[in-house]
């Protein structure tokens, strides 16, 4: 019995000692140990301003009635516009302004404490270069990447005044595309879709669309409706090619070439379309308009034929027959070779 009572007494001593254990952080109460901000990362557009708050807390997580200071090491990209205590609350409030597109940081500091807010500022205006090269029927638009925006070869597309351009090449640095508009545009609005912002950095992300240019003069099919008859046909060089568009509202396009001497000539008309290929018939005509019967009315892709021709002037007539499941207008290329 006595041994049992002694055991209980020993247990009581242990429990009493455990009840006196001190909170290890109690000595840090009231001492700032960390900075807590309302954002760890900001995504904003140049010209925008975002309100941010930050406070100092002690080890126990309690806010303190002292404030950190906000600074902008990258003021050319993002800057601190104003900062003040958010009375009566004990925290700092300040405004962050997106100055220019790019990646920047905001630093919060108090004595030996510091915290960083990363900021990505999206561009409003594309800073690359747009050039237009006049073609036989369609202009080629070249778009060079800018300092913060590049291209995705698998996803980037271009629209010109709301119509899709025919993408020729897409690399991270440059795009070439054909203007598929059905007419000339004096001040075209060029929009690039699905571009890459800050490629190769931790801030890399996709921008759904950005306007590249709204001023260049671009010809879709500049000779429309002028090349709808033999008298106003577009010239195509022998051993060269010309480009055009055709649809149910533009059912005839004429091209002309001249032979200085008799030759065996091949004519090919290739086209593209979304889904099934459109059905386009082709006829080669002499100067009087007589069909040479080369059998290019098959619906094949491409339509192609050849024959021996005397010296003189000839015409290639491209005829829209049916779009099928394809989406008009239809781009095509006429090639004449000897």
C-alpha atoms as a PDB file:
ATOM      1  CA  UNK A   1       0.000   0.000   0.000  1.00  0.00           C
ATOM      2  CA  UNK A   2       2.799   2.406   0.861  1.00  0.00           C
ATOM      3  CA  UNK A   3       4.576   1.757  -2.408  1.00  0.00           C
ATOM      4  CA  UNK A   4       1.393   2.566  -4.295  1.00  0.00           C
ATOM      5  CA  UNK A   5       1.035   5.948  -2.586  1.00  0.00           C
ATOM      6  CA  UNK A   6       4.613   6.836  -3.350  1.00  0.00           C
ATOM      7  CA  UNK A   7       3.952   6.153  -7.039  1.00  0.00           C
ATOM      8  CA  UNK A   8       1.033   8.548  -7.028  1.00  0.00           C
ATOM      9  CA  UNK A   9       3.120  11.236  -5.403  1.00  0.00           C
ATOM     10  CA  UNK A  10       5.800  10.894  -8.059  1.00  0.00           C
ATOM     11  CA  UNK A  11       3.210  11.191 -10.819  1.00  0.00           C
ATOM     12  CA  UNK A  12       1.841  14.360  -9.266  1.00  0.00           C
ATOM     13  CA  UNK A  13       5.302  15.922  -9.300  1.00  0.00           C
ATOM     14  CA  UNK A  14       5.753  15.109 -13.024  1.00  0.00           C
ATOM     15  CA  UNK A  15       2.379  16.553 -13.920  1.00  0.00           C
ATOM     16  CA  UNK A  16       3.103  19.683 -11.989  1.00  0.00           C
ATOM     17  CA  UNK A  17       6.365  20.197 -13.816  1.00  0.00           C
ATOM     18  CA  UNK A  18       4.641  19.744 -17.195  1.00  0.00           C
ATOM     19  CA  UNK A  19       2.092  22.410 -16.337  1.00  0.00           C
ATOM     20  CA  UNK A  20       4.864  24.975 -15.917  1.00  0.00           C
ATOM     21  CA  UNK A  21       6.371  24.634 -19.479  1.00  0.00           C
ATOM     22  CA  UNK A  22       6.771  28.143 -20.990  1.00  0.00           C
ATOM     23  CA  UNK A  23       5.622  29.130 -24.545  1.00  0.00           C
ATOM     24  CA  UNK A  24       8.935  29.248 -26.517  1.00  0.00           C
ATOM     25  CA  UNK A  25       7.679  32.178 -28.615  1.00  0.00           C
ATOM     26  CA  UNK A  26       6.462  34.274 -25.714  1.00  0.00           C
ATOM     27  CA  UNK A  27       9.729  36.151 -25.544  1.00  0.00           C
ATOM     28  CA  UNK A  28       9.234  37.281 -29.174  1.00  0.00           C
ATOM     29  CA  UNK A  29       5.784  38.758 -28.612  1.00  0.00           C
ATOM     30  CA  UNK A  30       5.813  42.312 -29.906  1.00  0.00           C
ATOM     31  CA  UNK A  31       9.038  41.754 -31.875  1.00  0.00           C
ATOM     32  CA  UNK A  32       8.650  41.907 -35.678  1.00  0.00           C
ATOM     33  CA  UNK A  33       9.756  38.632 -37.267  1.00  0.00           C
ATOM     34  CA  UNK A  34       8.037  38.666 -40.658  1.00  0.00           C
ATOM     35  CA  UNK A  35       6.320  40.836 -43.249  1.00  0.00           C
ATOM     36  CA  UNK A  36       2.949  39.726 -44.605  1.00  0.00           C
ATOM     37  CA  UNK A  37       1.644  41.299 -47.835  1.00  0.00           C
ATOM     38  CA  UNK A  38      -1.742  40.989 -49.531  1.00  0.00           C
ATOM     39  CA  UNK A  39      -0.021  39.725 -52.723  1.00  0.00           C
ATOM     40  CA  UNK A  40       2.912  37.404 -53.326  1.00  0.00           C
ATOM     41  CA  UNK A  41       2.699  38.022 -57.077  1.00  0.00           C
ATOM     42  CA  UNK A  42       0.936  40.700 -59.116  1.00  0.00           C
ATOM     43  CA  UNK A  43      -0.301  40.323 -62.696  1.00  0.00           C
ATOM     44  CA  UNK A  44      -1.274  43.672 -64.161  1.00  0.00           C
ATOM     45  CA  UNK A  45      -1.452  45.640 -67.411  1.00  0.00           C
ATOM     46  CA  UNK A  46       0.760  48.623 -68.119  1.00  0.00           C
ATOM     47  CA  UNK A  47      -1.014  51.801 -67.031  1.00  0.00           C
ATOM     48  CA  UNK A  48      -2.966  49.991 -64.310  1.00  0.00           C
ATOM     49  CA  UNK A  49      -2.646  50.676 -60.561  1.00  0.00           C
ATOM     50  CA  UNK A  50      -3.213  48.073 -57.827  1.00  0.00           C
ATOM     51  CA  UNK A  51      -3.699  48.717 -54.086  1.00  0.00           C
ATOM     52  CA  UNK A  52      -1.487  46.530 -51.887  1.00  0.00           C
ATOM     53  CA  UNK A  53      -1.363  46.197 -48.087  1.00  0.00           C
ATOM     54  CA  UNK A  54       1.461  44.901 -45.896  1.00  0.00           C
ATOM     55  CA  UNK A  55       1.994  44.508 -42.151  1.00  0.00           C
ATOM     56  CA  UNK A  56       4.584  43.387 -39.658  1.00  0.00           C
ATOM     57  CA  UNK A  57       3.795  40.431 -37.397  1.00  0.00           C
ATOM     58  CA  UNK A  58       5.537  38.876 -34.460  1.00  0.00           C
ATOM     59  CA  UNK A  59       6.399  35.204 -34.049  1.00  0.00           C
ATOM     60  CA  UNK A  60       2.958  34.474 -32.658  1.00  0.00           C
ATOM     61  CA  UNK A  61       1.334  35.962 -35.765  1.00  0.00           C
ATOM     62  CA  UNK A  62      -0.010  39.064 -34.082  1.00  0.00           C
ATOM     63  CA  UNK A  63       0.027  42.273 -36.188  1.00  0.00           C
ATOM     64  CA  UNK A  64       2.167  45.107 -34.865  1.00  0.00           C
ATOM     65  CA  UNK A  65       1.508  48.822 -34.836  1.00  0.00           C
ATOM     66  CA  UNK A  66       4.558  49.532 -36.984  1.00  0.00           C
ATOM     67  CA  UNK A  67       4.864  49.507 -40.755  1.00  0.00           C
ATOM     68  CA  UNK A  68       7.318  48.195 -43.360  1.00  0.00           C
ATOM     69  CA  UNK A  69       8.499  50.391 -46.236  1.00  0.00           C
ATOM     70  CA  UNK A  70       7.786  49.606 -49.904  1.00  0.00           C
ATOM     71  CA  UNK A  71      10.376  50.304 -52.608  1.00  0.00           C
ATOM     72  CA  UNK A  72      10.639  49.635 -56.346  1.00  0.00           C
ATOM     73  CA  UNK A  73      14.072  48.386 -57.539  1.00  0.00           C
ATOM     74  CA  UNK A  74      12.694  48.167 -61.099  1.00  0.00           C
ATOM     75  CA  UNK A  75      10.871  51.518 -61.470  1.00  0.00           C
ATOM     76  CA  UNK A  76      10.981  51.461 -65.279  1.00  0.00           C
ATOM     77  CA  UNK A  77       8.635  48.447 -65.169  1.00  0.00           C
ATOM     78  CA  UNK A  78       6.712  48.815 -61.906  1.00  0.00           C
ATOM     79  CA  UNK A  79       6.756  51.615 -59.332  1.00  0.00           C
ATOM     80  CA  UNK A  80       5.342  52.488 -55.918  1.00  0.00           C
ATOM     81  CA  UNK A  81       3.049  55.463 -56.403  1.00  0.00           C
ATOM     82  CA  UNK A  82       2.146  56.255 -52.775  1.00  0.00           C
ATOM     83  CA  UNK A  83       2.340  54.634 -49.359  1.00  0.00           C
ATOM     84  CA  UNK A  84       0.733  55.461 -46.031  1.00  0.00           C
ATOM     85  CA  UNK A  85      -0.588  53.903 -42.883  1.00  0.00           C
ATOM     86  CA  UNK A  86      -4.104  52.591 -43.323  1.00  0.00           C
ATOM     87  CA  UNK A  87      -5.592  54.336 -40.301  1.00  0.00           C
ATOM     88  CA  UNK A  88      -6.860  53.222 -37.910  1.00  0.00           C
ATOM     89  CA  UNK A  89      -5.489  49.770 -38.880  1.00  0.00           C
ATOM     90  CA  UNK A  90      -1.804  49.125 -38.102  1.00  0.00           C
ATOM     91  CA  UNK A  91      -0.676  48.245 -41.623  1.00  0.00           C
ATOM     92  CA  UNK A  92       0.856  49.863 -44.680  1.00  0.00           C
ATOM     93  CA  UNK A  93      -1.179  50.488 -47.800  1.00  0.00           C
ATOM     94  CA  UNK A  94       0.431  51.525 -51.073  1.00  0.00           C
ATOM     95  CA  UNK A  95      -0.323  51.676 -54.787  1.00  0.00           C
ATOM     96  CA  UNK A  96       1.689  49.774 -57.376  1.00  0.00           C
ATOM     97  CA  UNK A  97       1.682  51.185 -60.916  1.00  0.00           C
ATOM     98  CA  UNK A  98       2.475  49.178 -64.048  1.00  0.00           C
ATOM     99  CA  UNK A  99       4.835  51.511 -65.917  1.00  0.00           C
ATOM    100  CA  UNK A 100       5.910  49.362 -68.860  1.00  0.00           C
ATOM    101  CA  UNK A 101       5.556  45.761 -69.995  1.00  0.00           C
ATOM    102  CA  UNK A 102       7.983  43.344 -68.397  1.00  0.00           C
ATOM    103  CA  UNK A 103       8.898  41.661 -65.115  1.00  0.00           C
ATOM    104  CA  UNK A 104       9.697  43.621 -61.959  1.00  0.00           C
ATOM    105  CA  UNK A 105       9.614  43.431 -58.166  1.00  0.00           C
ATOM    106  CA  UNK A 106       8.444  45.401 -55.160  1.00  0.00           C
ATOM    107  CA  UNK A 107      10.535  45.068 -51.983  1.00  0.00           C
ATOM    108  CA  UNK A 108       9.031  45.420 -48.503  1.00  0.00           C
ATOM    109  CA  UNK A 109      11.532  46.041 -45.716  1.00  0.00           C
ATOM    110  CA  UNK A 110      11.824  46.856 -42.018  1.00  0.00           C
ATOM    111  CA  UNK A 111      15.228  46.911 -40.332  1.00  0.00           C
ATOM    112  CA  UNK A 112      16.709  43.470 -41.086  1.00  0.00           C
ATOM    113  CA  UNK A 113      13.461  42.000 -42.468  1.00  0.00           C
ATOM    114  CA  UNK A 114      12.550  41.933 -46.160  1.00  0.00           C
ATOM    115  CA  UNK A 115       9.948  40.393 -48.455  1.00  0.00           C
ATOM    116  CA  UNK A 116       9.497  40.545 -52.250  1.00  0.00           C
ATOM    117  CA  UNK A 117       6.398  40.822 -54.419  1.00  0.00           C
ATOM    118  CA  UNK A 118       7.019  39.733 -58.013  1.00  0.00           C
ATOM    119  CA  UNK A 119       5.151  41.699 -60.677  1.00  0.00           C
ATOM    120  CA  UNK A 120       4.404  40.877 -64.314  1.00  0.00           C
ATOM    121  CA  UNK A 121       3.177  43.845 -66.350  1.00  0.00           C
ATOM    122  CA  UNK A 122       1.349  42.873 -69.546  1.00  0.00           C
ATOM    123  CA  UNK A 123       1.714  45.066 -72.634  1.00  0.00           C
ATOM    124  CA  UNK A 124      -1.150  47.099 -74.061  1.00  0.00           C
ATOM    125  CA  UNK A 125       0.565  47.677 -77.403  1.00  0.00           C
ATOM    126  CA  UNK A 126       2.648  45.127 -79.288  1.00  0.00           C
ATOM    127  CA  UNK A 127       6.222  46.437 -79.492  1.00  0.00           C
ATOM    128  CA  UNK A 128       7.349  44.298 -82.424  1.00  0.00           C
ATOM    129  CA  UNK A 129       7.552  45.376 -86.051  1.00  0.00           C
ATOM    130  CA  UNK A 130       5.032  44.870 -88.865  1.00  0.00           C
ATOM    131  CA  UNK A 131       6.063  45.077 -92.515  1.00  0.00           C
ATOM    132  CA  UNK A 132       4.013  44.499 -95.654  1.00  0.00           C
ATOM    133  CA  UNK A 133       5.411  43.172 -98.928  1.00  0.00           C
ATOM    134  CA  UNK A 134       3.242  43.646-101.994  1.00  0.00           C
ATOM    135  CA  UNK A 135       2.540  40.414-103.868  1.00  0.00           C
ATOM    136  CA  UNK A 136       0.968  39.577-107.194  1.00  0.00           C
ATOM    137  CA  UNK A 137      -2.506  39.151-105.726  1.00  0.00           C
ATOM    138  CA  UNK A 138      -2.042  38.987-101.970  1.00  0.00           C
ATOM    139  CA  UNK A 139       0.293  40.929 -99.705  1.00  0.00           C
ATOM    140  CA  UNK A 140       2.666  39.134 -97.360  1.00  0.00           C
ATOM    141  CA  UNK A 141       2.621  40.466 -93.800  1.00  0.00           C
ATOM    142  CA  UNK A 142       5.743  39.888 -91.690  1.00  0.00           C
ATOM    143  CA  UNK A 143       5.525  40.387 -87.919  1.00  0.00           C
ATOM    144  CA  UNK A 144       8.737  40.438 -85.891  1.00  0.00           C
ATOM    145  CA  UNK A 145       8.531  39.631 -82.174  1.00  0.00           C
ATOM    146  CA  UNK A 146       9.001  42.373 -79.604  1.00  0.00           C
ATOM    147  CA  UNK A 147      11.050  42.542 -76.427  1.00  0.00           C
ATOM    148  CA  UNK A 148       8.407  40.940 -74.181  1.00  0.00           C
ATOM    149  CA  UNK A 149       6.106  39.120 -76.619  1.00  0.00           C
ATOM    150  CA  UNK A 150       7.064  36.158 -78.811  1.00  0.00           C
ATOM    151  CA  UNK A 151       5.113  33.566 -80.793  1.00  0.00           C
ATOM    152  CA  UNK A 152       4.044  29.958 -80.340  1.00  0.00           C
ATOM    153  CA  UNK A 153       4.567  27.961 -83.579  1.00  0.00           C
ATOM    154  CA  UNK A 154       1.796  25.581 -82.550  1.00  0.00           C
ATOM    155  CA  UNK A 155      -0.828  28.113 -81.493  1.00  0.00           C
ATOM    156  CA  UNK A 156      -0.235  31.671 -82.707  1.00  0.00           C
ATOM    157  CA  UNK A 157      -2.525  32.939 -85.459  1.00  0.00           C
ATOM    158  CA  UNK A 158      -3.173  36.299 -87.113  1.00  0.00           C
ATOM    159  CA  UNK A 159      -6.366  38.057 -88.111  1.00  0.00           C
ATOM    160  CA  UNK A 160      -6.498  41.102 -90.387  1.00  0.00           C
ATOM    161  CA  UNK A 161      -9.594  43.237 -89.990  1.00  0.00           C
ATOM    162  CA  UNK A 162     -11.343  40.258 -88.435  1.00  0.00           C
ATOM    163  CA  UNK A 163     -10.498  37.750 -91.173  1.00  0.00           C
ATOM    164  CA  UNK A 164      -7.959  34.956 -90.648  1.00  0.00           C
ATOM    165  CA  UNK A 165      -4.664  35.362 -92.465  1.00  0.00           C
ATOM    166  CA  UNK A 166      -3.089  32.351 -94.135  1.00  0.00           C
ATOM    167  CA  UNK A 167      -0.134  31.448 -91.914  1.00  0.00           C
ATOM    168  CA  UNK A 168       2.994  30.748 -93.950  1.00  0.00           C
ATOM    169  CA  UNK A 169       5.658  30.457 -91.250  1.00  0.00           C
ATOM    170  CA  UNK A 170       5.607  30.867 -87.470  1.00  0.00           C
ATOM    171  CA  UNK A 171       8.708  30.814 -85.297  1.00  0.00           C
ATOM    172  CA  UNK A 172       9.258  32.247 -81.830  1.00  0.00           C
ATOM    173  CA  UNK A 173      10.735  35.374 -83.424  1.00  0.00           C
ATOM    174  CA  UNK A 174       8.711  36.017 -86.582  1.00  0.00           C
ATOM    175  CA  UNK A 175       5.477  35.354 -88.446  1.00  0.00           C
ATOM    176  CA  UNK A 176       4.785  35.539 -92.165  1.00  0.00           C
ATOM    177  CA  UNK A 177       1.184  35.429 -93.323  1.00  0.00           C
ATOM    178  CA  UNK A 178      -0.874  36.163 -96.408  1.00  0.00           C
ATOM    179  CA  UNK A 179      -3.696  38.674 -96.165  1.00  0.00           C
ATOM    180  CA  UNK A 180      -6.810  36.685 -96.947  1.00  0.00           C
ATOM    181  CA  UNK A 181      -9.141  39.673 -96.970  1.00  0.00           C
ATOM    182  CA  UNK A 182     -11.312  39.891-100.040  1.00  0.00           C
ATOM    183  CA  UNK A 183     -10.245  43.461-100.762  1.00  0.00           C
ATOM    184  CA  UNK A 184      -7.711  46.164-100.008  1.00  0.00           C
ATOM    185  CA  UNK A 185      -7.613  47.664 -96.501  1.00  0.00           C
ATOM    186  CA  UNK A 186      -6.218  51.178 -96.194  1.00  0.00           C
ATOM    187  CA  UNK A 187      -5.615  50.980 -92.425  1.00  0.00           C
ATOM    188  CA  UNK A 188      -5.681  47.358 -91.391  1.00  0.00           C
ATOM    189  CA  UNK A 189      -6.133  46.208 -87.810  1.00  0.00           C
ATOM    190  CA  UNK A 190      -3.784  43.271 -87.267  1.00  0.00           C
ATOM    191  CA  UNK A 191      -4.439  41.111 -84.218  1.00  0.00           C
ATOM    192  CA  UNK A 192      -2.119  38.324 -83.061  1.00  0.00           C
ATOM    193  CA  UNK A 193      -3.808  35.562 -81.083  1.00  0.00           C
ATOM    194  CA  UNK A 194      -2.181  33.263 -78.508  1.00  0.00           C
ATOM    195  CA  UNK A 195       1.189  34.929 -78.075  1.00  0.00           C
ATOM    196  CA  UNK A 196       3.778  34.190 -75.383  1.00  0.00           C
ATOM    197  CA  UNK A 197       4.595  36.814 -72.742  1.00  0.00           C
ATOM    198  CA  UNK A 198       8.135  36.865 -71.306  1.00  0.00           C
ATOM    199  CA  UNK A 199       9.232  33.587 -72.858  1.00  0.00           C
ATOM    200  CA  UNK A 200      11.754  31.562 -70.887  1.00  0.00           C
ATOM    201  CA  UNK A 201      11.183  33.335 -67.565  1.00  0.00           C
ATOM    202  CA  UNK A 202       9.235  32.459 -64.443  1.00  0.00           C
ATOM    203  CA  UNK A 203       6.592  34.932 -65.611  1.00  0.00           C
ATOM    204  CA  UNK A 204       6.019  33.225 -68.967  1.00  0.00           C
ATOM    205  CA  UNK A 205       2.342  33.040 -69.742  1.00  0.00           C
ATOM    206  CA  UNK A 206      -0.053  33.310 -72.677  1.00  0.00           C
ATOM    207  CA  UNK A 207      -1.803  36.440 -73.879  1.00  0.00           C
ATOM    208  CA  UNK A 208      -5.020  35.597 -75.654  1.00  0.00           C
ATOM    209  CA  UNK A 209      -4.693  38.406 -78.187  1.00  0.00           C
ATOM    210  CA  UNK A 210      -2.852  41.653 -78.774  1.00  0.00           C
ATOM    211  CA  UNK A 211      -3.260  44.224 -81.514  1.00  0.00           C
ATOM    212  CA  UNK A 212      -0.084  44.404 -83.547  1.00  0.00           C
ATOM    213  CA  UNK A 213      -0.889  47.277 -85.875  1.00  0.00           C
ATOM    214  CA  UNK A 214      -3.784  49.377 -87.081  1.00  0.00           C
ATOM    215  CA  UNK A 215      -2.225  51.476 -89.808  1.00  0.00           C
ATOM    216  CA  UNK A 216      -0.626  49.510 -92.686  1.00  0.00           C
ATOM    217  CA  UNK A 217      -2.281  49.378 -96.068  1.00  0.00           C
ATOM    218  CA  UNK A 218      -2.828  45.729 -96.936  1.00  0.00           C
ATOM    219  CA  UNK A 219      -4.200  44.187-100.092  1.00  0.00           C
ATOM    220  CA  UNK A 220      -6.201  41.049 -99.739  1.00  0.00           C
ATOM    221  CA  UNK A 221      -7.057  40.556-103.367  1.00  0.00           C
ATOM    222  CA  UNK A 222      -6.257  44.024-104.623  1.00  0.00           C
ATOM    223  CA  UNK A 223      -7.483  43.418-108.178  1.00  0.00           C
ATOM    224  CA  UNK A 224     -10.987  42.467-107.087  1.00  0.00           C
ATOM    225  CA  UNK A 225     -13.304  42.801-108.804  1.00  0.00           C
ATOM    226  CA  UNK A 226     -11.029  43.815-111.683  1.00  0.00           C
ATOM    227  CA  UNK A 227      -9.734  40.323-112.514  1.00  0.00           C
ATOM    228  CA  UNK A 228     -13.201  38.884-112.946  1.00  0.00           C
ATOM    229  CA  UNK A 229     -12.900  39.206-116.724  1.00  0.00           C
ATOM    230  CA  UNK A 230     -10.256  38.422-119.369  1.00  0.00           C
ATOM    231  CA  UNK A 231      -9.836  42.109-120.199  1.00  0.00           C
ATOM    232  CA  UNK A 232      -8.592  42.858-116.697  1.00  0.00           C
ATOM    233  CA  UNK A 233      -6.784  39.592-115.932  1.00  0.00           C
ATOM    234  CA  UNK A 234      -3.868  39.539-113.501  1.00  0.00           C
ATOM    235  CA  UNK A 235      -0.509  38.752-115.101  1.00  0.00           C
ATOM    236  CA  UNK A 236       1.303  35.615-113.985  1.00  0.00           C
ATOM    237  CA  UNK A 237       4.883  35.109-115.145  1.00  0.00           C
ATOM    238  CA  UNK A 238       5.826  31.961-117.006  1.00  0.00           C
ATOM    239  CA  UNK A 239       7.757  29.794-114.536  1.00  0.00           C
ATOM    240  CA  UNK A 240       6.217  31.893-111.792  1.00  0.00           C
ATOM    241  CA  UNK A 241       2.981  32.059-109.835  1.00  0.00           C
ATOM    242  CA  UNK A 242       0.239  34.384-108.649  1.00  0.00           C
ATOM    243  CA  UNK A 243      -2.125  34.128-105.686  1.00  0.00           C
ATOM    244  CA  UNK A 244      -5.785  34.835-105.240  1.00  0.00           C
ATOM    245  CA  UNK A 245      -9.017  34.236-103.379  1.00  0.00           C
ATOM    246  CA  UNK A 246     -12.324  32.872-104.536  1.00  0.00           C
ATOM    247  CA  UNK A 247     -15.730  32.259-102.980  1.00  0.00           C
ATOM    248  CA  UNK A 248     -19.428  32.005-103.794  1.00  0.00           C
ATOM    249  CA  UNK A 249     -19.527  35.813-104.048  1.00  0.00           C
ATOM    250  CA  UNK A 250     -16.423  35.901-106.283  1.00  0.00           C
ATOM    251  CA  UNK A 251     -16.813  32.990-108.689  1.00  0.00           C
ATOM    252  CA  UNK A 252     -14.327  33.918-111.438  1.00  0.00           C
ATOM    253  CA  UNK A 253     -10.692  34.999-111.377  1.00  0.00           C
ATOM    254  CA  UNK A 254      -8.663  35.429-114.557  1.00  0.00           C
ATOM    255  CA  UNK A 255      -4.875  35.312-114.964  1.00  0.00           C
ATOM    256  CA  UNK A 256      -2.903  35.867-118.129  1.00  0.00           C
ATOM    257  CA  UNK A 257       0.508  34.737-119.402  1.00  0.00           C
ATOM    258  CA  UNK A 258       2.343  35.216-122.678  1.00  0.00           C
ATOM    259  CA  UNK A 259       4.551  32.799-124.633  1.00  0.00           C
ATOM    260  CA  UNK A 260       7.250  34.317-126.837  1.00  0.00           C
ATOM    261  CA  UNK A 261       7.678  30.960-128.634  1.00  0.00           C
ATOM    262  CA  UNK A 262       5.808  27.650-128.851  1.00  0.00           C
ATOM    263  CA  UNK A 263       6.187  25.559-125.702  1.00  0.00           C
ATOM    264  CA  UNK A 264       4.690  22.750-123.684  1.00  0.00           C
ATOM    265  CA  UNK A 265       3.073  24.469-120.730  1.00  0.00           C
ATOM    266  CA  UNK A 266       1.893  23.102-117.382  1.00  0.00           C
ATOM    267  CA  UNK A 267      -0.686  24.922-115.271  1.00  0.00           C
ATOM    268  CA  UNK A 268      -1.417  24.008-111.666  1.00  0.00           C
ATOM    269  CA  UNK A 269      -3.928  25.567-109.275  1.00  0.00           C
ATOM    270  CA  UNK A 270      -3.570  24.495-105.647  1.00  0.00           C
ATOM    271  CA  UNK A 271      -5.817  25.623-102.829  1.00  0.00           C
ATOM    272  CA  UNK A 272      -6.417  25.137 -99.135  1.00  0.00           C
ATOM    273  CA  UNK A 273      -9.518  24.946 -97.001  1.00  0.00           C
ATOM    274  CA  UNK A 274     -10.796  24.045 -93.558  1.00  0.00           C
ATOM    275  CA  UNK A 275     -12.240  20.551 -93.616  1.00  0.00           C
ATOM    276  CA  UNK A 276     -12.884  19.177 -97.089  1.00  0.00           C
ATOM    277  CA  UNK A 277     -11.191  20.960-100.005  1.00  0.00           C
ATOM    278  CA  UNK A 278     -13.362  23.374-101.961  1.00  0.00           C
ATOM    279  CA  UNK A 279     -14.142  22.364-105.533  1.00  0.00           C
ATOM    280  CA  UNK A 280     -12.505  24.796-107.969  1.00  0.00           C
ATOM    281  CA  UNK A 281     -12.483  24.235-111.722  1.00  0.00           C
ATOM    282  CA  UNK A 282      -9.744  25.587-113.997  1.00  0.00           C
ATOM    283  CA  UNK A 283      -9.731  26.310-117.714  1.00  0.00           C
ATOM    284  CA  UNK A 284      -6.923  27.469-120.017  1.00  0.00           C
ATOM    285  CA  UNK A 285      -8.171  29.821-122.738  1.00  0.00           C
ATOM    286  CA  UNK A 286      -6.501  31.236-125.832  1.00  0.00           C
ATOM    287  CA  UNK A 287      -6.521  34.899-126.811  1.00  0.00           C
ATOM    288  CA  UNK A 288      -9.979  34.536-128.339  1.00  0.00           C
ATOM    289  CA  UNK A 289     -11.352  32.916-125.194  1.00  0.00           C
ATOM    290  CA  UNK A 290     -11.550  29.362-126.583  1.00  0.00           C
ATOM    291  CA  UNK A 291     -11.144  26.605-123.994  1.00  0.00           C
ATOM    292  CA  UNK A 292      -8.063  24.420-124.569  1.00  0.00           C
ATOM    293  CA  UNK A 293      -9.808  21.457-122.904  1.00  0.00           C
ATOM    294  CA  UNK A 294      -7.040  20.410-120.532  1.00  0.00           C
ATOM    295  CA  UNK A 295      -9.423  18.470-118.270  1.00  0.00           C
ATOM    296  CA  UNK A 296      -9.023  20.512-115.079  1.00  0.00           C
ATOM    297  CA  UNK A 297     -12.643  20.250-113.934  1.00  0.00           C
ATOM    298  CA  UNK A 298     -12.309  17.193-111.728  1.00  0.00           C
ATOM    299  CA  UNK A 299     -12.465  18.606-108.211  1.00  0.00           C
ATOM    300  CA  UNK A 300      -8.925  17.320-107.635  1.00  0.00           C
ATOM    301  CA  UNK A 301      -6.423  18.972-105.328  1.00  0.00           C
ATOM    302  CA  UNK A 302      -4.507  20.397-107.032  1.00  0.00           C
ATOM    303  CA  UNK A 303      -6.097  20.887-110.421  1.00  0.00           C
ATOM    304  CA  UNK A 304      -3.332  20.406-112.982  1.00  0.00           C
ATOM    305  CA  UNK A 305      -2.975  20.045-116.735  1.00  0.00           C
ATOM    306  CA  UNK A 306      -0.530  20.563-119.573  1.00  0.00           C
ATOM    307  CA  UNK A 307      -0.405  20.934-123.343  1.00  0.00           C
ATOM    308  CA  UNK A 308       1.519  22.269-126.325  1.00  0.00           C
ATOM    309  CA  UNK A 309       0.767  25.916-127.035  1.00  0.00           C
ATOM    310  CA  UNK A 310       1.771  28.254-129.852  1.00  0.00           C
ATOM    311  CA  UNK A 311       3.316  31.626-129.144  1.00  0.00           C
ATOM    312  CA  UNK A 312       0.766  34.134-127.927  1.00  0.00           C
ATOM    313  CA  UNK A 313      -1.358  35.277-124.997  1.00  0.00           C
ATOM    314  CA  UNK A 314      -3.332  32.841-122.861  1.00  0.00           C
ATOM    315  CA  UNK A 315      -5.628  32.992-119.859  1.00  0.00           C
ATOM    316  CA  UNK A 316      -6.158  30.816-116.811  1.00  0.00           C
ATOM    317  CA  UNK A 317      -9.718  30.979-115.531  1.00  0.00           C
ATOM    318  CA  UNK A 318     -10.271  29.854-111.930  1.00  0.00           C
ATOM    319  CA  UNK A 319     -13.922  29.046-111.233  1.00  0.00           C
ATOM    320  CA  UNK A 320     -15.563  28.535-107.858  1.00  0.00           C
ATOM    321  CA  UNK A 321     -17.834  25.495-108.051  1.00  0.00           C
ATOM    322  CA  UNK A 322     -18.576  24.475-104.466  1.00  0.00           C
ATOM    323  CA  UNK A 323     -17.100  25.191-101.029  1.00  0.00           C
ATOM    324  CA  UNK A 324     -18.173  21.816 -99.649  1.00  0.00           C
ATOM    325  CA  UNK A 325     -17.241  21.647 -95.961  1.00  0.00           C
ATOM    326  CA  UNK A 326     -14.476  24.226 -96.387  1.00  0.00           C
ATOM    327  CA  UNK A 327     -14.701  27.749 -94.989  1.00  0.00           C
ATOM    328  CA  UNK A 328     -14.601  30.506 -97.638  1.00  0.00           C
ATOM    329  CA  UNK A 329     -12.902  32.553 -98.884  1.00  0.00           C
ATOM    330  CA  UNK A 330     -10.472  30.061-100.461  1.00  0.00           C
ATOM    331  CA  UNK A 331      -6.828  30.877-101.027  1.00  0.00           C
ATOM    332  CA  UNK A 332      -5.274  29.489-104.184  1.00  0.00           C
ATOM    333  CA  UNK A 333      -2.024  29.699-106.113  1.00  0.00           C
ATOM    334  CA  UNK A 334      -1.723  29.595-109.912  1.00  0.00           C
ATOM    335  CA  UNK A 335       1.602  28.238-111.214  1.00  0.00           C
ATOM    336  CA  UNK A 336       2.622  28.339-114.898  1.00  0.00           C
ATOM    337  CA  UNK A 337       5.725  26.409-115.982  1.00  0.00           C
ATOM    338  CA  UNK A 338       7.348  25.340-119.262  1.00  0.00           C
END
